[in-house]
């Protein structure tokens, strides 16, 4: 072996050793002592890293929980109250019980209710189409149906329905992470209180046009008539910008608003069939 090779090897070895020593002392000086509870909290989280909690992932959420003085503003939508109870036990804090949520697409403008009036020939994503185009129907507020919400969902909780023109949320798979809410450029998707047996009463419309214009574009559009608001005894319904909205946190599922809606904009799901009143039965017999 030549002297040059030996010298080169020795030089590189010296440089490597010096660098290792420097890195060792730098690491010691800037060492961050992490609370071991962070790992424990993260181990009890669902590891979905969906961002539904408002943080970048489960690790970031665990760090926020450990640093917080209380858990009032911290909640894991995927794990729910059970997970938060475990987190609270680890940290010696008290978890605030919160109602489970589920996503809902506030548009019932299916092909039967909202006929196409033109054909769109462009990029088939809602985000792009909405920036240059109002849609293939006369309703500029309705669902475009290209599936940005479907692409954003990591839990297979959204089903694309080409026969309907509007995607459908699968309630028992939805974890209320909010990814679909952020993905919808039309602001059609909201997280609502999840009731037992997946029951819901919702104004499935976002059309803010005046009554005649809205009804012409979609046969089940809300016309802002206010009849549902007057019928509700729980102050769960408000009218704003020609549009009714039902607050799921106030709604008692009495369904009294449903039959008074003249356009069937309010939908009721997963309820048993309504009982026919005696007067209605007598009318049916007379008609026969």
C-alpha atoms as a PDB file:
ATOM      1  CA  UNK A   1       0.000   0.000   0.000  1.00  0.00           C
ATOM      2  CA  UNK A   2       1.462   3.384  -1.013  1.00  0.00           C
ATOM      3  CA  UNK A   3       2.081   6.220   1.372  1.00  0.00           C
ATOM      4  CA  UNK A   4      -0.509   8.333  -0.497  1.00  0.00           C
ATOM      5  CA  UNK A   5      -3.260   5.794   0.170  1.00  0.00           C
ATOM      6  CA  UNK A   6      -2.297   5.485   3.833  1.00  0.00           C
ATOM      7  CA  UNK A   7      -2.262   9.254   4.189  1.00  0.00           C
ATOM      8  CA  UNK A   8      -5.663   9.570   2.529  1.00  0.00           C
ATOM      9  CA  UNK A   9      -7.232   6.899   4.742  1.00  0.00           C
ATOM     10  CA  UNK A  10      -5.759   8.453   7.858  1.00  0.00           C
ATOM     11  CA  UNK A  11      -6.945  11.912   6.883  1.00  0.00           C
ATOM     12  CA  UNK A  12     -10.511  10.745   6.186  1.00  0.00           C
ATOM     13  CA  UNK A  13     -10.560   8.785   9.443  1.00  0.00           C
ATOM     14  CA  UNK A  14      -9.462  11.860  11.362  1.00  0.00           C
ATOM     15  CA  UNK A  15     -12.078  14.021   9.687  1.00  0.00           C
ATOM     16  CA  UNK A  16     -14.803  11.448  10.383  1.00  0.00           C
ATOM     17  CA  UNK A  17     -13.783  11.119  14.023  1.00  0.00           C
ATOM     18  CA  UNK A  18     -13.682  14.886  14.497  1.00  0.00           C
ATOM     19  CA  UNK A  19     -17.109  15.285  12.892  1.00  0.00           C
ATOM     20  CA  UNK A  20     -18.557  12.555  15.108  1.00  0.00           C
ATOM     21  CA  UNK A  21     -17.205  14.218  18.236  1.00  0.00           C
ATOM     22  CA  UNK A  22     -18.587  17.608  17.174  1.00  0.00           C
ATOM     23  CA  UNK A  23     -22.013  16.140  16.382  1.00  0.00           C
ATOM     24  CA  UNK A  24     -22.073  14.359  19.724  1.00  0.00           C
ATOM     25  CA  UNK A  25     -21.517  17.539  21.717  1.00  0.00           C
ATOM     26  CA  UNK A  26     -23.936  19.529  19.539  1.00  0.00           C
ATOM     27  CA  UNK A  27     -26.616  16.882  20.063  1.00  0.00           C
ATOM     28  CA  UNK A  28     -26.028  16.931  23.802  1.00  0.00           C
ATOM     29  CA  UNK A  29     -26.193  20.725  23.935  1.00  0.00           C
ATOM     30  CA  UNK A  30     -29.394  21.034  21.888  1.00  0.00           C
ATOM     31  CA  UNK A  31     -31.044  17.890  23.176  1.00  0.00           C
ATOM     32  CA  UNK A  32     -34.809  18.266  23.659  1.00  0.00           C
ATOM     33  CA  UNK A  33     -36.210  16.287  26.542  1.00  0.00           C
ATOM     34  CA  UNK A  34     -39.655  15.120  25.413  1.00  0.00           C
ATOM     35  CA  UNK A  35     -42.449  14.330  27.814  1.00  0.00           C
ATOM     36  CA  UNK A  36     -42.870  10.518  27.811  1.00  0.00           C
ATOM     37  CA  UNK A  37     -46.631  10.992  28.090  1.00  0.00           C
ATOM     38  CA  UNK A  38     -46.700  12.121  24.469  1.00  0.00           C
ATOM     39  CA  UNK A  39     -45.866   8.584  23.334  1.00  0.00           C
ATOM     40  CA  UNK A  40     -48.439   7.156  25.712  1.00  0.00           C
ATOM     41  CA  UNK A  41     -51.187   9.485  24.481  1.00  0.00           C
ATOM     42  CA  UNK A  42     -50.283   8.873  20.844  1.00  0.00           C
ATOM     43  CA  UNK A  43     -50.445   5.123  21.459  1.00  0.00           C
ATOM     44  CA  UNK A  44     -54.078   5.475  22.468  1.00  0.00           C
ATOM     45  CA  UNK A  45     -55.057   7.504  19.416  1.00  0.00           C
ATOM     46  CA  UNK A  46     -56.496   5.818  16.282  1.00  0.00           C
ATOM     47  CA  UNK A  47     -53.378   6.651  14.198  1.00  0.00           C
ATOM     48  CA  UNK A  48     -55.526   7.804  11.287  1.00  0.00           C
ATOM     49  CA  UNK A  49     -53.643  11.120  10.958  1.00  0.00           C
ATOM     50  CA  UNK A  50     -56.742  12.574   9.334  1.00  0.00           C
ATOM     51  CA  UNK A  51     -56.387  16.100  10.711  1.00  0.00           C
ATOM     52  CA  UNK A  52     -59.970  16.142  11.958  1.00  0.00           C
ATOM     53  CA  UNK A  53     -58.739  17.307  15.362  1.00  0.00           C
ATOM     54  CA  UNK A  54     -57.279  20.434  13.798  1.00  0.00           C
ATOM     55  CA  UNK A  55     -53.656  19.272  14.030  1.00  0.00           C
ATOM     56  CA  UNK A  56     -51.274  17.899  11.423  1.00  0.00           C
ATOM     57  CA  UNK A  57     -51.525  14.352  12.737  1.00  0.00           C
ATOM     58  CA  UNK A  58     -51.937  12.183  15.809  1.00  0.00           C
ATOM     59  CA  UNK A  59     -48.440  13.016  17.078  1.00  0.00           C
ATOM     60  CA  UNK A  60     -49.101  16.744  16.948  1.00  0.00           C
ATOM     61  CA  UNK A  61     -52.457  16.237  18.644  1.00  0.00           C
ATOM     62  CA  UNK A  62     -50.824  14.178  21.404  1.00  0.00           C
ATOM     63  CA  UNK A  63     -48.290  16.950  21.998  1.00  0.00           C
ATOM     64  CA  UNK A  64     -51.094  19.511  22.203  1.00  0.00           C
ATOM     65  CA  UNK A  65     -52.969  17.383  24.742  1.00  0.00           C
ATOM     66  CA  UNK A  66     -49.904  16.996  26.959  1.00  0.00           C
ATOM     67  CA  UNK A  67     -49.162  20.726  26.881  1.00  0.00           C
ATOM     68  CA  UNK A  68     -52.779  21.777  27.510  1.00  0.00           C
ATOM     69  CA  UNK A  69     -54.090  22.650  30.966  1.00  0.00           C
ATOM     70  CA  UNK A  70     -57.478  21.176  30.039  1.00  0.00           C
ATOM     71  CA  UNK A  71     -59.049  19.221  27.180  1.00  0.00           C
ATOM     72  CA  UNK A  72     -62.056  21.482  26.604  1.00  0.00           C
ATOM     73  CA  UNK A  73     -60.991  22.490  23.095  1.00  0.00           C
ATOM     74  CA  UNK A  74     -59.306  19.223  22.163  1.00  0.00           C
ATOM     75  CA  UNK A  75     -61.210  16.315  20.664  1.00  0.00           C
ATOM     76  CA  UNK A  76     -60.406  13.352  18.415  1.00  0.00           C
ATOM     77  CA  UNK A  77     -63.431  12.875  16.104  1.00  0.00           C
ATOM     78  CA  UNK A  78     -62.287   9.422  14.997  1.00  0.00           C
ATOM     79  CA  UNK A  79     -61.742   7.975  18.467  1.00  0.00           C
ATOM     80  CA  UNK A  80     -64.601   9.921  20.011  1.00  0.00           C
ATOM     81  CA  UNK A  81     -65.382  10.140  23.705  1.00  0.00           C
ATOM     82  CA  UNK A  82     -63.897   6.726  24.488  1.00  0.00           C
ATOM     83  CA  UNK A  83     -60.469   7.743  23.203  1.00  0.00           C
ATOM     84  CA  UNK A  84     -60.593  11.118  24.915  1.00  0.00           C
ATOM     85  CA  UNK A  85     -61.430   9.430  28.217  1.00  0.00           C
ATOM     86  CA  UNK A  86     -58.239   7.368  27.899  1.00  0.00           C
ATOM     87  CA  UNK A  87     -56.227  10.488  27.083  1.00  0.00           C
ATOM     88  CA  UNK A  88     -57.715  12.285  30.073  1.00  0.00           C
ATOM     89  CA  UNK A  89     -56.858   9.375  32.353  1.00  0.00           C
ATOM     90  CA  UNK A  90     -53.219   9.446  31.219  1.00  0.00           C
ATOM     91  CA  UNK A  91     -52.930  13.189  31.788  1.00  0.00           C
ATOM     92  CA  UNK A  92     -54.961  13.354  34.951  1.00  0.00           C
ATOM     93  CA  UNK A  93     -57.470  15.686  33.336  1.00  0.00           C
ATOM     94  CA  UNK A  94     -61.184  15.558  32.637  1.00  0.00           C
ATOM     95  CA  UNK A  95     -62.509  14.897  29.137  1.00  0.00           C
ATOM     96  CA  UNK A  96     -65.476  16.888  27.863  1.00  0.00           C
ATOM     97  CA  UNK A  97     -68.129  14.643  26.362  1.00  0.00           C
ATOM     98  CA  UNK A  98     -69.062  15.719  22.854  1.00  0.00           C
ATOM     99  CA  UNK A  99     -71.755  14.515  20.474  1.00  0.00           C
ATOM    100  CA  UNK A 100     -70.559  12.394  17.585  1.00  0.00           C
ATOM    101  CA  UNK A 101     -70.744  14.110  14.190  1.00  0.00           C
ATOM    102  CA  UNK A 102     -71.322  12.860  10.684  1.00  0.00           C
ATOM    103  CA  UNK A 103     -70.869  14.556   7.324  1.00  0.00           C
ATOM    104  CA  UNK A 104     -73.878  15.457   5.211  1.00  0.00           C
ATOM    105  CA  UNK A 105     -74.063  16.813   1.669  1.00  0.00           C
ATOM    106  CA  UNK A 106     -76.619  19.603   1.645  1.00  0.00           C
ATOM    107  CA  UNK A 107     -77.830  19.052  -1.889  1.00  0.00           C
ATOM    108  CA  UNK A 108     -80.722  16.899  -3.042  1.00  0.00           C
ATOM    109  CA  UNK A 109     -80.432  18.105  -6.611  1.00  0.00           C
ATOM    110  CA  UNK A 110     -80.367  14.684  -8.209  1.00  0.00           C
ATOM    111  CA  UNK A 111     -80.927  14.138 -11.910  1.00  0.00           C
ATOM    112  CA  UNK A 112     -84.694  13.840 -11.358  1.00  0.00           C
ATOM    113  CA  UNK A 113     -84.931  17.124  -9.481  1.00  0.00           C
ATOM    114  CA  UNK A 114     -82.307  19.227 -11.244  1.00  0.00           C
ATOM    115  CA  UNK A 115     -82.228  18.667 -15.023  1.00  0.00           C
ATOM    116  CA  UNK A 116     -79.116  19.414 -17.043  1.00  0.00           C
ATOM    117  CA  UNK A 117     -79.271  22.469 -19.269  1.00  0.00           C
ATOM    118  CA  UNK A 118     -75.751  22.301 -20.757  1.00  0.00           C
ATOM    119  CA  UNK A 119     -72.712  20.051 -21.046  1.00  0.00           C
ATOM    120  CA  UNK A 120     -69.373  20.777 -19.407  1.00  0.00           C
ATOM    121  CA  UNK A 121     -66.232  19.834 -21.319  1.00  0.00           C
ATOM    122  CA  UNK A 122     -63.268  20.482 -19.059  1.00  0.00           C
ATOM    123  CA  UNK A 123     -61.256  19.198 -16.122  1.00  0.00           C
ATOM    124  CA  UNK A 124     -63.521  16.927 -14.116  1.00  0.00           C
ATOM    125  CA  UNK A 125     -62.651  18.153 -10.659  1.00  0.00           C
ATOM    126  CA  UNK A 126     -64.982  20.262  -8.545  1.00  0.00           C
ATOM    127  CA  UNK A 127     -62.247  22.712  -7.569  1.00  0.00           C
ATOM    128  CA  UNK A 128     -61.323  23.563 -11.157  1.00  0.00           C
ATOM    129  CA  UNK A 129     -64.835  23.426 -12.563  1.00  0.00           C
ATOM    130  CA  UNK A 130     -66.278  25.678  -9.855  1.00  0.00           C
ATOM    131  CA  UNK A 131     -63.727  28.382 -10.565  1.00  0.00           C
ATOM    132  CA  UNK A 132     -64.716  28.712 -14.228  1.00  0.00           C
ATOM    133  CA  UNK A 133     -68.184  27.206 -14.402  1.00  0.00           C
ATOM    134  CA  UNK A 134     -71.482  27.232 -12.481  1.00  0.00           C
ATOM    135  CA  UNK A 135     -72.452  23.668 -13.345  1.00  0.00           C
ATOM    136  CA  UNK A 136     -74.427  21.683 -15.898  1.00  0.00           C
ATOM    137  CA  UNK A 137     -77.743  22.838 -14.436  1.00  0.00           C
ATOM    138  CA  UNK A 138     -79.336  26.215 -13.749  1.00  0.00           C
ATOM    139  CA  UNK A 139     -78.464  25.900 -10.044  1.00  0.00           C
ATOM    140  CA  UNK A 140     -75.128  27.575  -9.415  1.00  0.00           C
ATOM    141  CA  UNK A 141     -75.167  26.451  -5.766  1.00  0.00           C
ATOM    142  CA  UNK A 142     -75.578  22.708  -6.205  1.00  0.00           C
ATOM    143  CA  UNK A 143     -73.213  19.756  -6.250  1.00  0.00           C
ATOM    144  CA  UNK A 144     -71.052  19.380  -9.354  1.00  0.00           C
ATOM    145  CA  UNK A 145     -70.681  15.657  -8.747  1.00  0.00           C
ATOM    146  CA  UNK A 146     -67.053  15.265  -9.854  1.00  0.00           C
ATOM    147  CA  UNK A 147     -65.979  13.697  -6.580  1.00  0.00           C
ATOM    148  CA  UNK A 148     -63.412  15.933  -4.896  1.00  0.00           C
ATOM    149  CA  UNK A 149     -64.990  14.868  -1.601  1.00  0.00           C
ATOM    150  CA  UNK A 150     -64.658  11.223  -2.617  1.00  0.00           C
ATOM    151  CA  UNK A 151     -60.949  11.670  -3.378  1.00  0.00           C
ATOM    152  CA  UNK A 152     -60.377  13.446  -0.053  1.00  0.00           C
ATOM    153  CA  UNK A 153     -61.983  10.718   2.066  1.00  0.00           C
ATOM    154  CA  UNK A 154     -59.550   8.132   3.458  1.00  0.00           C
ATOM    155  CA  UNK A 155     -62.259   6.024   5.078  1.00  0.00           C
ATOM    156  CA  UNK A 156     -64.342   4.932   2.045  1.00  0.00           C
ATOM    157  CA  UNK A 157     -67.262   6.836   3.554  1.00  0.00           C
ATOM    158  CA  UNK A 158     -68.354   8.505   0.313  1.00  0.00           C
ATOM    159  CA  UNK A 159     -69.987   6.764  -2.590  1.00  0.00           C
ATOM    160  CA  UNK A 160     -70.084   8.331  -6.046  1.00  0.00           C
ATOM    161  CA  UNK A 161     -73.528   7.973  -7.603  1.00  0.00           C
ATOM    162  CA  UNK A 162     -73.483   8.751 -11.315  1.00  0.00           C
ATOM    163  CA  UNK A 163     -77.158   7.768 -11.494  1.00  0.00           C
ATOM    164  CA  UNK A 164     -78.029  10.492  -8.990  1.00  0.00           C
ATOM    165  CA  UNK A 165     -75.457  13.131  -9.843  1.00  0.00           C
ATOM    166  CA  UNK A 166     -74.742  13.719  -6.140  1.00  0.00           C
ATOM    167  CA  UNK A 167     -72.364  11.633  -3.948  1.00  0.00           C
ATOM    168  CA  UNK A 168     -73.717   9.895  -0.870  1.00  0.00           C
ATOM    169  CA  UNK A 169     -72.211   9.736   2.627  1.00  0.00           C
ATOM    170  CA  UNK A 170     -72.072   6.283   4.232  1.00  0.00           C
ATOM    171  CA  UNK A 171     -72.805   7.182   7.843  1.00  0.00           C
ATOM    172  CA  UNK A 172     -71.396   4.098   9.548  1.00  0.00           C
ATOM    173  CA  UNK A 173     -68.016   4.669   7.862  1.00  0.00           C
ATOM    174  CA  UNK A 174     -67.810   8.434   8.336  1.00  0.00           C
ATOM    175  CA  UNK A 175     -65.492   9.529  11.158  1.00  0.00           C
ATOM    176  CA  UNK A 176     -66.232  13.256  10.856  1.00  0.00           C
ATOM    177  CA  UNK A 177     -62.617  14.112  10.022  1.00  0.00           C
ATOM    178  CA  UNK A 178     -63.790  17.052   7.906  1.00  0.00           C
ATOM    179  CA  UNK A 179     -61.604  16.296   4.893  1.00  0.00           C
ATOM    180  CA  UNK A 180     -64.617  16.291   2.582  1.00  0.00           C
ATOM    181  CA  UNK A 181     -65.835  19.571   4.080  1.00  0.00           C
ATOM    182  CA  UNK A 182     -62.578  21.272   3.126  1.00  0.00           C
ATOM    183  CA  UNK A 183     -62.524  19.623  -0.302  1.00  0.00           C
ATOM    184  CA  UNK A 184     -65.944  20.886  -1.434  1.00  0.00           C
ATOM    185  CA  UNK A 185     -65.582  24.239  -3.227  1.00  0.00           C
ATOM    186  CA  UNK A 186     -69.355  24.785  -3.074  1.00  0.00           C
ATOM    187  CA  UNK A 187     -69.410  24.609   0.739  1.00  0.00           C
ATOM    188  CA  UNK A 188     -72.118  21.950   0.555  1.00  0.00           C
ATOM    189  CA  UNK A 189     -70.835  19.528   3.173  1.00  0.00           C
ATOM    190  CA  UNK A 190     -71.244  20.077   6.891  1.00  0.00           C
ATOM    191  CA  UNK A 191     -70.627  18.032  10.014  1.00  0.00           C
ATOM    192  CA  UNK A 192     -73.911  17.473  11.838  1.00  0.00           C
ATOM    193  CA  UNK A 193     -74.828  15.823  15.109  1.00  0.00           C
ATOM    194  CA  UNK A 194     -75.061  12.062  14.682  1.00  0.00           C
ATOM    195  CA  UNK A 195     -78.375  10.781  16.002  1.00  0.00           C
ATOM    196  CA  UNK A 196     -79.186   7.173  16.955  1.00  0.00           C
ATOM    197  CA  UNK A 197     -80.110   4.848  14.085  1.00  0.00           C
ATOM    198  CA  UNK A 198     -78.546   7.380  11.677  1.00  0.00           C
ATOM    199  CA  UNK A 199     -81.708   9.462  11.694  1.00  0.00           C
ATOM    200  CA  UNK A 200     -81.614  13.016  10.407  1.00  0.00           C
ATOM    201  CA  UNK A 201     -83.829  15.911   9.408  1.00  0.00           C
ATOM    202  CA  UNK A 202     -81.999  18.332   7.103  1.00  0.00           C
ATOM    203  CA  UNK A 203     -82.659  21.121   4.634  1.00  0.00           C
ATOM    204  CA  UNK A 204     -80.840  19.517   1.716  1.00  0.00           C
ATOM    205  CA  UNK A 205     -80.280  22.708  -0.218  1.00  0.00           C
ATOM    206  CA  UNK A 206     -77.775  25.569  -0.398  1.00  0.00           C
ATOM    207  CA  UNK A 207     -79.494  27.647  -3.084  1.00  0.00           C
ATOM    208  CA  UNK A 208     -79.624  31.293  -1.997  1.00  0.00           C
ATOM    209  CA  UNK A 209     -81.512  32.532  -5.037  1.00  0.00           C
ATOM    210  CA  UNK A 210     -85.027  33.890  -4.558  1.00  0.00           C
ATOM    211  CA  UNK A 211     -87.890  31.418  -4.517  1.00  0.00           C
ATOM    212  CA  UNK A 212     -88.981  31.463  -8.153  1.00  0.00           C
ATOM    213  CA  UNK A 213     -85.453  31.295  -9.539  1.00  0.00           C
ATOM    214  CA  UNK A 214     -84.417  28.545  -7.107  1.00  0.00           C
ATOM    215  CA  UNK A 215     -87.514  26.438  -7.790  1.00  0.00           C
ATOM    216  CA  UNK A 216     -87.067  26.742 -11.557  1.00  0.00           C
ATOM    217  CA  UNK A 217     -83.508  25.421 -11.296  1.00  0.00           C
ATOM    218  CA  UNK A 218     -84.390  22.556  -8.930  1.00  0.00           C
ATOM    219  CA  UNK A 219     -87.810  21.181  -8.021  1.00  0.00           C
ATOM    220  CA  UNK A 220     -86.761  20.519  -4.408  1.00  0.00           C
ATOM    221  CA  UNK A 221     -84.945  23.795  -3.778  1.00  0.00           C
ATOM    222  CA  UNK A 222     -85.600  25.738  -0.604  1.00  0.00           C
ATOM    223  CA  UNK A 223     -87.529  28.948  -1.401  1.00  0.00           C
ATOM    224  CA  UNK A 224     -87.095  30.549   2.012  1.00  0.00           C
ATOM    225  CA  UNK A 225     -90.830  30.726   2.677  1.00  0.00           C
ATOM    226  CA  UNK A 226     -90.346  30.428   6.445  1.00  0.00           C
ATOM    227  CA  UNK A 227     -93.088  27.865   7.082  1.00  0.00           C
ATOM    228  CA  UNK A 228     -90.644  25.428   8.659  1.00  0.00           C
ATOM    229  CA  UNK A 229     -89.255  28.133  10.940  1.00  0.00           C
ATOM    230  CA  UNK A 230     -92.743  28.980  12.208  1.00  0.00           C
ATOM    231  CA  UNK A 231     -93.534  25.306  12.779  1.00  0.00           C
ATOM    232  CA  UNK A 232     -90.403  24.554  14.835  1.00  0.00           C
ATOM    233  CA  UNK A 233     -90.945  24.834  18.614  1.00  0.00           C
ATOM    234  CA  UNK A 234     -87.277  24.418  19.483  1.00  0.00           C
ATOM    235  CA  UNK A 235     -85.745  27.404  17.619  1.00  0.00           C
ATOM    236  CA  UNK A 236     -83.726  24.950  15.558  1.00  0.00           C
ATOM    237  CA  UNK A 237     -84.567  26.546  12.206  1.00  0.00           C
ATOM    238  CA  UNK A 238     -83.395  29.893  10.907  1.00  0.00           C
ATOM    239  CA  UNK A 239     -83.925  31.664   7.578  1.00  0.00           C
ATOM    240  CA  UNK A 240     -81.072  33.618   6.069  1.00  0.00           C
ATOM    241  CA  UNK A 241     -80.346  34.613   2.462  1.00  0.00           C
ATOM    242  CA  UNK A 242     -83.580  32.998   1.208  1.00  0.00           C
ATOM    243  CA  UNK A 243     -82.481  29.687   2.720  1.00  0.00           C
ATOM    244  CA  UNK A 244     -83.607  27.645   5.718  1.00  0.00           C
ATOM    245  CA  UNK A 245     -81.104  25.925   7.965  1.00  0.00           C
ATOM    246  CA  UNK A 246     -81.727  23.320  10.692  1.00  0.00           C
ATOM    247  CA  UNK A 247     -79.290  23.356  13.606  1.00  0.00           C
ATOM    248  CA  UNK A 248     -78.714  19.688  14.415  1.00  0.00           C
ATOM    249  CA  UNK A 249     -77.672  20.539  17.986  1.00  0.00           C
ATOM    250  CA  UNK A 250     -81.098  22.058  18.644  1.00  0.00           C
ATOM    251  CA  UNK A 251     -83.204  19.728  16.497  1.00  0.00           C
ATOM    252  CA  UNK A 252     -85.319  17.184  18.427  1.00  0.00           C
ATOM    253  CA  UNK A 253     -86.245  15.139  15.334  1.00  0.00           C
ATOM    254  CA  UNK A 254     -89.933  15.861  15.819  1.00  0.00           C
ATOM    255  CA  UNK A 255     -90.261  16.099  12.015  1.00  0.00           C
ATOM    256  CA  UNK A 256     -93.081  18.640  12.165  1.00  0.00           C
ATOM    257  CA  UNK A 257     -91.201  20.857   9.734  1.00  0.00           C
ATOM    258  CA  UNK A 258     -91.086  18.196   7.034  1.00  0.00           C
ATOM    259  CA  UNK A 259     -94.740  18.105   5.898  1.00  0.00           C
ATOM    260  CA  UNK A 260     -95.114  21.918   5.878  1.00  0.00           C
ATOM    261  CA  UNK A 261     -92.279  22.394   3.369  1.00  0.00           C
ATOM    262  CA  UNK A 262     -93.960  23.153   0.013  1.00  0.00           C
ATOM    263  CA  UNK A 263     -90.978  22.017  -2.075  1.00  0.00           C
ATOM    264  CA  UNK A 264     -89.853  18.940  -0.117  1.00  0.00           C
ATOM    265  CA  UNK A 265     -86.502  20.615   0.495  1.00  0.00           C
ATOM    266  CA  UNK A 266     -86.428  19.120   3.998  1.00  0.00           C
ATOM    267  CA  UNK A 267     -85.585  15.447   3.977  1.00  0.00           C
ATOM    268  CA  UNK A 268     -86.045  12.902   6.755  1.00  0.00           C
ATOM    269  CA  UNK A 269     -83.939   9.756   6.762  1.00  0.00           C
ATOM    270  CA  UNK A 270     -84.117   6.384   8.553  1.00  0.00           C
ATOM    271  CA  UNK A 271     -87.435   6.979  10.302  1.00  0.00           C
ATOM    272  CA  UNK A 272     -90.290   4.431  10.429  1.00  0.00           C
ATOM    273  CA  UNK A 273     -93.203   5.170   8.062  1.00  0.00           C
ATOM    274  CA  UNK A 274     -95.517   7.899   9.277  1.00  0.00           C
ATOM    275  CA  UNK A 275     -98.820   6.755  10.718  1.00  0.00           C
ATOM    276  CA  UNK A 276    -101.878   7.662   8.674  1.00  0.00           C
ATOM    277  CA  UNK A 277    -104.337   9.750  10.649  1.00  0.00           C
ATOM    278  CA  UNK A 278    -107.939   8.568  11.077  1.00  0.00           C
ATOM    279  CA  UNK A 279    -109.225  11.481   8.983  1.00  0.00           C
ATOM    280  CA  UNK A 280    -106.904  10.504   6.119  1.00  0.00           C
ATOM    281  CA  UNK A 281    -108.052   6.881   6.287  1.00  0.00           C
ATOM    282  CA  UNK A 282    -111.693   7.991   6.044  1.00  0.00           C
ATOM    283  CA  UNK A 283    -110.853  10.158   3.018  1.00  0.00           C
ATOM    284  CA  UNK A 284    -109.208   7.150   1.346  1.00  0.00           C
ATOM    285  CA  UNK A 285    -112.296   4.975   1.942  1.00  0.00           C
ATOM    286  CA  UNK A 286    -114.598   7.710   0.586  1.00  0.00           C
ATOM    287  CA  UNK A 287    -112.452   8.076  -2.518  1.00  0.00           C
ATOM    288  CA  UNK A 288    -112.778   4.356  -3.196  1.00  0.00           C
END
